[in-house]
Amino acid sequence: MIIRKVGVEEEMFLVDPSSRRLVPVSGRATSGEDDVEQELFLQQLETQSDPHRDLADVAADLREARRKAAAAAESAGARLAVMPTPVLPGDDGDVTPNARYHRMMRRFGEVGRRALACGMHVHVDVADDEEAVAVIDALRPWLPLVQAISAGSPFDSGIDTGYASWRAQVWEAWPSAGVVEPFGDAAGYRAAVEALIASGAALDEGMVYLDARPARAYPTVEIRVADVCTDLRDTVLVAAVARALVTTCAEDWKAGRQPEAWRVDLLRAARWRARHDGLGGVLLDPLTRRPVPAADALATLVRTIEPALIAAGDHDLVTEGIARLLRDGGGAQRQRAAAGEDLDLVAVVDDVLARTAASFDDD
């Protein structure tokens, strides 16, 4: 069984140290820093790891990338906050001065202006476009579980949304985002993307915001459903699960095993449960298609991808990581615990800032 390389991209916010509100200083923060990039809004930064087979190397890259991003933020008078959505009221986004971004805003209006959110994208090696499309077709019922593992955005601009991942709900508004019908093969994928762009629902291939897609610049499948995770242990857990899913789907395809057909409406329901409940409620089991406690759905996930986890040396990492999240709570539960009964959202930002700093602190 092939041990595939994995790379991770992380989007993050810039926060004023005094007010804890988002600040539009990414231009200053990225000046002279090649490894830290601007994103759609001036309140954001993006970093990435190199591709590695050993997830310890991915974690080391991400830790160093966060350290550089934090230093870049500090140079612009801000602090780095690894969180998926703005927590405090009044945190609006300022579009980064970029011709393509401004075209997006002119075409998509309020959908674009409200897309102030930070995700995590996992890239997993594939052999070619045919394997990539076979994998993304088979991944569809499993990706809601990846979303649930990462869910960490219960608050948005001053309100408790009632969701574990509001970022996912925000992203769903893009007309090119979300779950799709199977493509069948690489030609089917290309035809669908060309039609989507021709419809005006995406400016270009870079705006095809599917839950999973063949990457444009790399020979990888890019899984795009996860909230950015404050805790790097959660980030690495998501990366391990993503790799094992890609490997499992690819092995099934090579063996001629076809994925079970799912109606898009049921997939949407599975995604809604994941972003609403996270790990604190009910998820759809990808094999039975029935709602079950989150722990049971994740047990199905681990059983299904177990050979790939063992081959990659990730079995203990994943089983212990899932047990930790089910026991201690994930990102959404941690934010709600920080807010307390009084809904102290400043305390939430302070907790995120402290945990962000701890994530790259060698001490």
Protein backbone atom coordinates (compact mmCIF):
# COMPACT_ATOMS: atom_id res chain seq x y z
CA MET A 1 0.00 0.00 0.00
CA ILE A 2 1.44 3.39 -1.04
CA ILE A 3 2.34 5.80 1.77
CA ARG A 4 1.25 9.08 0.25
CA LYS A 5 2.72 12.49 0.96
CA VAL A 6 0.52 15.05 2.71
CA GLY A 7 0.64 18.84 2.79
CA VAL A 8 -1.52 21.28 4.75
CA GLU A 9 -2.55 24.89 4.13
CA GLU A 10 -3.83 27.00 7.05
CA GLU A 11 -5.68 30.34 7.00
CA MET A 12 -5.50 32.55 10.10
CA PHE A 13 -6.71 35.87 11.47
CA LEU A 14 -4.86 39.01 12.59
CA VAL A 15 -6.12 40.46 15.87
CA ASP A 16 -5.53 43.77 17.62
CA PRO A 17 -3.85 43.02 20.98
CA SER A 18 -5.95 45.60 22.85
CA SER A 19 -9.43 45.39 21.37
CA ARG A 20 -9.13 41.73 20.23
CA ARG A 21 -10.87 42.76 17.02
CA LEU A 22 -9.63 41.79 13.59
CA VAL A 23 -7.24 44.26 11.98
CA PRO A 24 -6.54 44.74 8.22
CA VAL A 25 -2.73 44.65 8.31
CA SER A 26 -1.76 41.62 6.22
CA GLY A 27 -0.02 43.88 3.69
CA ARG A 28 2.42 45.06 6.32
CA ALA A 29 2.68 41.62 7.91
CA THR A 30 3.70 39.88 4.70
CA SER A 31 6.14 42.55 3.56
CA GLY A 32 9.48 40.80 3.19
CA GLU A 33 8.13 37.44 4.42
CA ASP A 34 8.06 34.89 1.59
CA ASP A 35 6.55 32.03 3.58
CA VAL A 36 3.49 33.97 4.79
CA GLU A 37 0.89 34.98 2.22
CA GLN A 38 -2.11 37.26 1.99
CA GLU A 39 -5.63 35.92 1.57
CA LEU A 40 -9.01 37.25 0.39
CA PHE A 41 -9.23 39.76 3.25
CA LEU A 42 -6.59 42.00 4.82
CA GLN A 43 -7.47 40.50 8.21
CA GLN A 44 -6.07 37.11 7.15
CA LEU A 45 -2.80 35.31 6.53
CA GLU A 46 -2.10 31.93 4.94
CA THR A 47 0.75 29.48 5.52
CA GLN A 48 1.47 25.94 4.39
CA SER A 49 3.63 22.94 5.06
CA ASP A 50 5.82 21.11 2.59
CA PRO A 51 4.54 17.67 1.52
CA HIS A 52 5.79 14.82 3.73
CA ARG A 53 5.08 11.14 4.32
CA ASP A 54 5.80 11.45 8.05
CA LEU A 55 3.10 13.50 9.77
CA ALA A 56 5.59 14.52 12.44
CA ASP A 57 7.38 16.45 9.69
CA VAL A 58 4.09 18.06 8.63
CA ALA A 59 3.49 19.11 12.23
CA ALA A 60 7.01 20.54 12.49
CA ASP A 61 6.50 22.54 9.29
CA LEU A 62 3.18 23.90 10.52
CA ARG A 63 4.63 24.82 13.90
CA GLU A 64 7.42 26.78 12.22
CA ALA A 65 4.97 28.37 9.77
CA ARG A 66 2.80 29.55 12.65
CA ARG A 67 5.87 30.93 14.41
CA LYS A 68 6.78 32.94 11.30
CA ALA A 69 3.19 34.12 10.87
CA ALA A 70 3.05 35.22 14.50
CA ALA A 71 6.28 37.18 14.09
CA ALA A 72 4.92 38.74 10.89
CA ALA A 73 1.72 39.69 12.72
CA GLU A 74 3.70 41.22 15.57
CA SER A 75 5.74 43.29 13.10
CA ALA A 76 2.44 44.82 11.97
CA GLY A 77 1.24 45.47 15.53
CA ALA A 78 -1.13 42.49 15.60
CA ARG A 79 -1.37 38.99 17.07
CA LEU A 80 -2.00 35.71 15.29
CA ALA A 81 -5.31 33.98 16.02
CA VAL A 82 -5.88 30.52 14.57
CA MET A 83 -9.68 30.42 14.55
CA PRO A 84 -12.19 29.78 11.76
CA THR A 85 -14.65 32.70 12.17
CA PRO A 86 -14.63 36.23 13.62
CA VAL A 87 -15.84 35.98 17.21
CA LEU A 88 -16.53 39.59 18.23
CA PRO A 89 -19.28 41.82 16.83
CA GLY A 90 -18.31 44.36 14.19
CA ASP A 91 -15.48 42.32 12.71
CA ASP A 92 -15.91 43.06 9.02
CA GLY A 93 -13.50 42.17 6.23
CA ASP A 94 -11.47 44.52 4.03
CA VAL A 95 -10.81 42.99 0.63
CA THR A 96 -7.13 42.58 -0.19
CA PRO A 97 -6.16 44.90 -3.09
CA ASN A 98 -6.03 42.33 -5.85
CA ALA A 99 -7.77 42.56 -9.22
CA ARG A 100 -9.14 39.02 -9.05
CA TYR A 101 -10.51 39.47 -5.54
CA HIS A 102 -12.28 42.66 -6.57
CA ARG A 103 -13.78 40.89 -9.59
CA MET A 104 -15.10 38.24 -7.18
CA MET A 105 -16.75 40.89 -5.02
CA ARG A 106 -18.33 42.64 -8.00
CA ARG A 107 -19.83 39.40 -9.27
CA PHE A 108 -20.84 37.70 -6.01
CA GLY A 109 -21.63 40.72 -3.84
CA GLU A 110 -22.66 39.97 -0.28
CA VAL A 111 -21.74 36.29 -0.60
CA GLY A 112 -18.14 37.35 -1.12
CA ARG A 113 -18.20 40.09 1.50
CA ARG A 114 -19.47 37.64 4.12
CA ALA A 115 -16.83 35.01 3.34
CA LEU A 116 -14.58 36.16 6.19
CA ALA A 117 -13.59 32.71 7.45
CA CYS A 118 -10.51 30.54 7.80
CA GLY A 119 -10.25 26.95 6.66
CA MET A 120 -7.67 24.22 6.45
CA HIS A 121 -6.93 22.42 3.18
CA VAL A 122 -5.25 19.00 3.09
CA HIS A 123 -3.39 17.86 -0.03
CA VAL A 124 -2.81 14.13 -0.52
CA ASP A 125 -0.72 12.69 -3.36
CA VAL A 126 -2.44 10.86 -6.21
CA ALA A 127 -0.98 9.18 -9.29
CA ASP A 128 -2.88 11.15 -11.93
CA ASP A 129 -6.15 12.90 -12.73
CA GLU A 130 -8.05 9.64 -13.22
CA GLU A 131 -7.16 8.44 -9.75
CA ALA A 132 -7.92 11.89 -8.34
CA VAL A 133 -11.45 11.93 -9.76
CA ALA A 134 -12.13 8.35 -8.67
CA VAL A 135 -11.07 9.33 -5.16
CA ILE A 136 -13.18 12.48 -4.92
CA ASP A 137 -16.22 10.59 -6.21
CA ALA A 138 -15.79 7.98 -3.45
CA LEU A 139 -14.94 10.47 -0.68
CA ARG A 140 -18.33 12.18 -0.68
CA PRO A 141 -20.10 10.39 2.24
CA TRP A 142 -16.94 10.39 4.39
CA LEU A 143 -16.10 14.09 4.25
CA PRO A 144 -18.81 15.15 6.73
CA LEU A 145 -16.92 13.17 9.38
CA VAL A 146 -13.72 15.09 8.56
CA GLN A 147 -15.72 18.28 8.93
CA ALA A 148 -17.07 17.16 12.31
CA ILE A 149 -13.60 16.31 13.63
CA SER A 150 -12.36 19.82 12.80
CA ALA A 151 -15.51 21.76 13.79
CA GLY A 152 -14.43 24.79 15.81
CA SER A 153 -16.51 27.84 14.87
CA PRO A 154 -19.63 28.14 17.02
CA PHE A 155 -19.47 31.95 17.21
CA ASP A 156 -19.67 34.52 14.43
CA SER A 157 -19.54 38.30 14.81
CA GLY A 158 -20.93 38.38 18.31
CA ILE A 159 -23.51 35.60 18.25
CA ASP A 160 -23.67 31.95 19.19
CA THR A 161 -24.79 30.47 15.87
CA GLY A 162 -26.05 27.18 17.32
CA TYR A 163 -23.61 25.37 15.01
CA ALA A 164 -20.34 23.60 15.70
CA SER A 165 -18.92 24.85 12.38
CA TRP A 166 -20.40 28.12 11.19
CA ARG A 167 -17.47 28.53 8.83
CA ALA A 168 -18.79 25.61 6.80
CA GLN A 169 -22.21 27.27 6.66
CA VAL A 170 -20.66 30.54 5.47
CA TRP A 171 -18.66 28.76 2.78
CA GLU A 172 -21.75 26.95 1.53
CA ALA A 173 -23.07 30.26 0.17
CA TRP A 174 -20.60 30.28 -2.74
CA PRO A 175 -22.42 28.92 -5.82
CA SER A 176 -19.44 26.72 -6.71
CA ALA A 177 -19.08 25.21 -3.23
CA GLY A 178 -20.24 22.01 -1.68
CA VAL A 179 -21.21 18.50 -2.62
CA VAL A 180 -21.71 17.40 -6.24
CA GLU A 181 -22.75 14.43 -8.34
CA PRO A 182 -20.01 11.89 -9.20
CA PHE A 183 -17.87 12.93 -12.18
CA GLY A 184 -17.02 9.41 -13.35
CA ASP A 185 -13.63 10.18 -14.83
CA ALA A 186 -11.20 13.01 -15.51
CA ALA A 187 -13.00 14.01 -18.71
CA GLY A 188 -16.27 14.22 -16.80
CA TYR A 189 -14.64 16.41 -14.18
CA ARG A 190 -13.15 18.76 -16.77
CA ALA A 191 -16.48 19.05 -18.58
CA ALA A 192 -18.32 19.83 -15.34
CA VAL A 193 -15.78 22.48 -14.34
CA GLU A 194 -15.90 24.11 -17.77
CA ALA A 195 -19.70 24.23 -17.59
CA LEU A 196 -19.62 25.70 -14.08
CA ILE A 197 -17.24 28.46 -15.16
CA ALA A 198 -19.27 29.12 -18.31
CA SER A 199 -22.39 29.50 -16.14
CA GLY A 200 -20.76 32.36 -14.22
CA ALA A 201 -20.90 30.51 -10.89
CA ALA A 202 -17.07 30.60 -10.76
CA LEU A 203 -14.63 33.06 -12.27
CA ASP A 204 -12.07 30.36 -13.00
CA GLU A 205 -10.91 26.93 -11.86
CA GLY A 206 -9.47 28.42 -8.69
CA MET A 207 -13.00 29.32 -7.62
CA VAL A 208 -14.33 25.76 -7.95
CA TYR A 209 -14.83 25.42 -4.20
CA LEU A 210 -15.82 21.76 -4.05
CA ASP A 211 -15.48 19.74 -0.84
CA ALA A 212 -12.66 17.88 -2.59
CA ARG A 213 -11.04 18.59 -5.93
CA PRO A 214 -7.95 17.74 -7.97
CA ALA A 215 -5.48 20.48 -7.11
CA ARG A 216 -4.49 22.85 -9.91
CA ALA A 217 -0.79 23.20 -9.10
CA TYR A 218 0.05 19.81 -7.58
CA PRO A 219 -0.64 16.11 -8.33
CA THR A 220 -2.91 15.88 -5.30
CA VAL A 221 -6.48 15.64 -4.12
CA GLU A 222 -7.27 18.76 -2.11
CA ILE A 223 -9.77 18.21 0.73
CA ARG A 224 -11.34 21.54 1.69
CA VAL A 225 -14.03 20.79 4.30
CA ALA A 226 -12.11 21.41 7.54
CA ASP A 227 -12.16 24.38 9.88
CA VAL A 228 -8.68 25.61 10.68
CA CYS A 229 -7.81 24.02 14.03
CA THR A 230 -6.25 26.01 16.86
CA ASP A 231 -4.75 22.84 18.35
CA LEU A 232 -2.10 21.38 16.03
CA ARG A 233 -2.92 17.89 17.32
CA ASP A 234 -6.34 18.30 15.71
CA THR A 235 -4.73 19.53 12.48
CA VAL A 236 -2.50 16.47 12.27
CA LEU A 237 -5.45 14.20 13.11
CA VAL A 238 -7.44 15.66 10.19
CA ALA A 239 -4.42 15.20 7.90
CA ALA A 240 -4.03 11.57 8.95
CA VAL A 241 -7.70 10.79 8.40
CA ALA A 242 -7.65 12.58 5.03
CA ARG A 243 -4.65 10.56 3.84
CA ALA A 244 -6.16 7.27 4.97
CA LEU A 245 -9.44 8.09 3.22
CA VAL A 246 -7.68 8.96 -0.04
CA THR A 247 -5.60 5.78 0.15
CA THR A 248 -8.65 3.63 0.93
CA CYS A 249 -10.70 5.13 -1.91
CA ALA A 250 -7.80 4.75 -4.36
CA GLU A 251 -7.23 1.12 -3.38
CA ASP A 252 -10.95 0.38 -3.84
CA TRP A 253 -10.88 2.00 -7.29
CA LYS A 254 -7.82 0.04 -8.38
CA ALA A 255 -9.51 -3.16 -7.22
CA GLY A 256 -12.62 -2.35 -9.24
CA ARG A 257 -14.83 -1.75 -6.20
CA GLN A 258 -17.38 0.94 -6.97
CA PRO A 259 -18.56 3.36 -4.22
CA GLU A 260 -22.15 3.12 -3.09
CA ALA A 261 -24.46 5.61 -4.79
CA TRP A 262 -25.64 8.47 -2.59
CA ARG A 263 -28.31 11.00 -3.42
CA VAL A 264 -27.03 14.57 -3.19
CA ASP A 265 -29.88 15.55 -0.88
CA LEU A 266 -28.81 12.93 1.68
CA LEU A 267 -25.18 14.04 1.38
CA ARG A 268 -26.31 17.59 2.10
CA ALA A 269 -28.14 16.32 5.16
CA ALA A 270 -24.97 14.53 6.32
CA ARG A 271 -22.95 17.70 5.86
CA TRP A 272 -25.55 19.75 7.72
CA ARG A 273 -25.49 17.35 10.68
CA ALA A 274 -21.70 17.53 10.78
CA ARG A 275 -21.50 21.30 10.82
CA HIS A 276 -24.46 21.64 13.19
CA ASP A 277 -23.58 18.92 15.74
CA GLY A 278 -19.84 18.45 15.30
CA LEU A 279 -18.75 15.73 17.72
CA GLY A 280 -21.36 16.69 20.30
CA GLY A 281 -24.39 15.02 18.76
CA VAL A 282 -25.47 12.87 15.85
CA LEU A 283 -23.77 12.12 12.52
CA LEU A 284 -24.80 10.02 9.53
CA ASP A 285 -22.99 6.69 9.37
CA PRO A 286 -21.44 6.49 5.85
CA LEU A 287 -22.18 2.76 5.58
CA THR A 288 -25.70 2.49 7.03
CA ARG A 289 -26.75 6.08 6.11
CA ARG A 290 -28.56 6.27 9.43
CA PRO A 291 -28.11 8.93 12.14
CA VAL A 292 -26.00 7.58 14.99
CA PRO A 293 -24.05 9.08 17.91
CA ALA A 294 -20.86 10.77 16.71
CA ALA A 295 -18.70 8.15 18.44
CA ASP A 296 -20.38 5.36 16.48
CA ALA A 297 -19.93 7.14 13.14
CA LEU A 298 -16.25 7.71 13.90
CA ALA A 299 -15.88 4.04 14.85
CA THR A 300 -17.18 3.16 11.37
CA LEU A 301 -14.65 5.57 9.89
CA VAL A 302 -11.72 4.00 11.75
CA ARG A 303 -12.75 0.45 10.84
CA THR A 304 -13.01 1.41 7.17
CA ILE A 305 -9.65 3.15 6.90
CA GLU A 306 -7.78 0.93 9.38
CA PRO A 307 -5.56 -0.87 6.82
CA ALA A 308 -4.40 2.48 5.41
CA LEU A 309 -3.81 3.87 8.92
CA ILE A 310 -1.72 0.84 9.89
CA ALA A 311 0.31 0.96 6.67
CA ALA A 312 1.14 4.63 7.23
CA GLY A 313 1.91 4.18 10.93
CA ASP A 314 -0.98 6.48 11.88
CA HIS A 315 -3.33 4.05 13.63
CA ASP A 316 -2.50 5.07 17.21
CA LEU A 317 -2.41 8.76 16.28
CA VAL A 318 -5.95 8.58 14.89
CA THR A 319 -7.54 6.32 17.47
CA GLU A 320 -6.02 8.25 20.37
CA GLY A 321 -6.85 11.59 18.75
CA ILE A 322 -10.50 10.68 18.22
CA ALA A 323 -10.75 9.32 21.77
CA ARG A 324 -9.28 12.60 23.07
CA LEU A 325 -11.78 14.73 21.15
CA LEU A 326 -14.75 12.61 22.22
CA ARG A 327 -13.58 12.79 25.83
CA ASP A 328 -12.39 16.39 26.08
CA GLY A 329 -14.33 18.08 23.26
CA GLY A 330 -13.20 19.62 20.00
CA GLY A 331 -12.69 23.20 18.94
CA ALA A 332 -16.36 24.18 19.21
CA GLN A 333 -16.70 22.80 22.71
CA ARG A 334 -13.49 24.55 23.80
CA GLN A 335 -14.74 27.91 22.53
CA ARG A 336 -18.09 27.49 24.28
CA ALA A 337 -16.34 26.50 27.50
CA ALA A 338 -14.20 29.64 27.29
CA ALA A 339 -17.31 31.79 26.73
CA GLY A 340 -19.05 30.38 29.79
CA GLU A 341 -22.65 31.00 30.75
CA ASP A 342 -22.19 34.78 30.41
CA LEU A 343 -21.10 34.40 26.76
CA ASP A 344 -17.84 36.29 27.32
CA LEU A 345 -16.58 36.47 23.74
CA VAL A 346 -13.47 38.46 24.65
CA ALA A 347 -12.53 35.49 26.82
CA VAL A 348 -12.98 33.26 23.77
CA VAL A 349 -10.54 35.36 21.72
CA ASP A 350 -8.08 35.46 24.62
CA ASP A 351 -8.26 31.68 24.89
CA VAL A 352 -7.66 31.31 21.13
CA LEU A 353 -4.70 33.70 21.29
CA ALA A 354 -3.17 31.77 24.19
CA ARG A 355 -3.68 28.39 22.51
CA THR A 356 -2.35 29.74 19.21
CA ALA A 357 0.85 30.89 20.92
CA ALA A 358 1.16 27.56 22.74
CA SER A 359 0.87 25.67 19.44
CA PHE A 360 4.28 26.88 18.25
CA ASP A 361 5.99 27.39 21.61
CA ASP A 362 8.83 24.89 21.99
CA ASP A 363 8.84 25.40 25.75
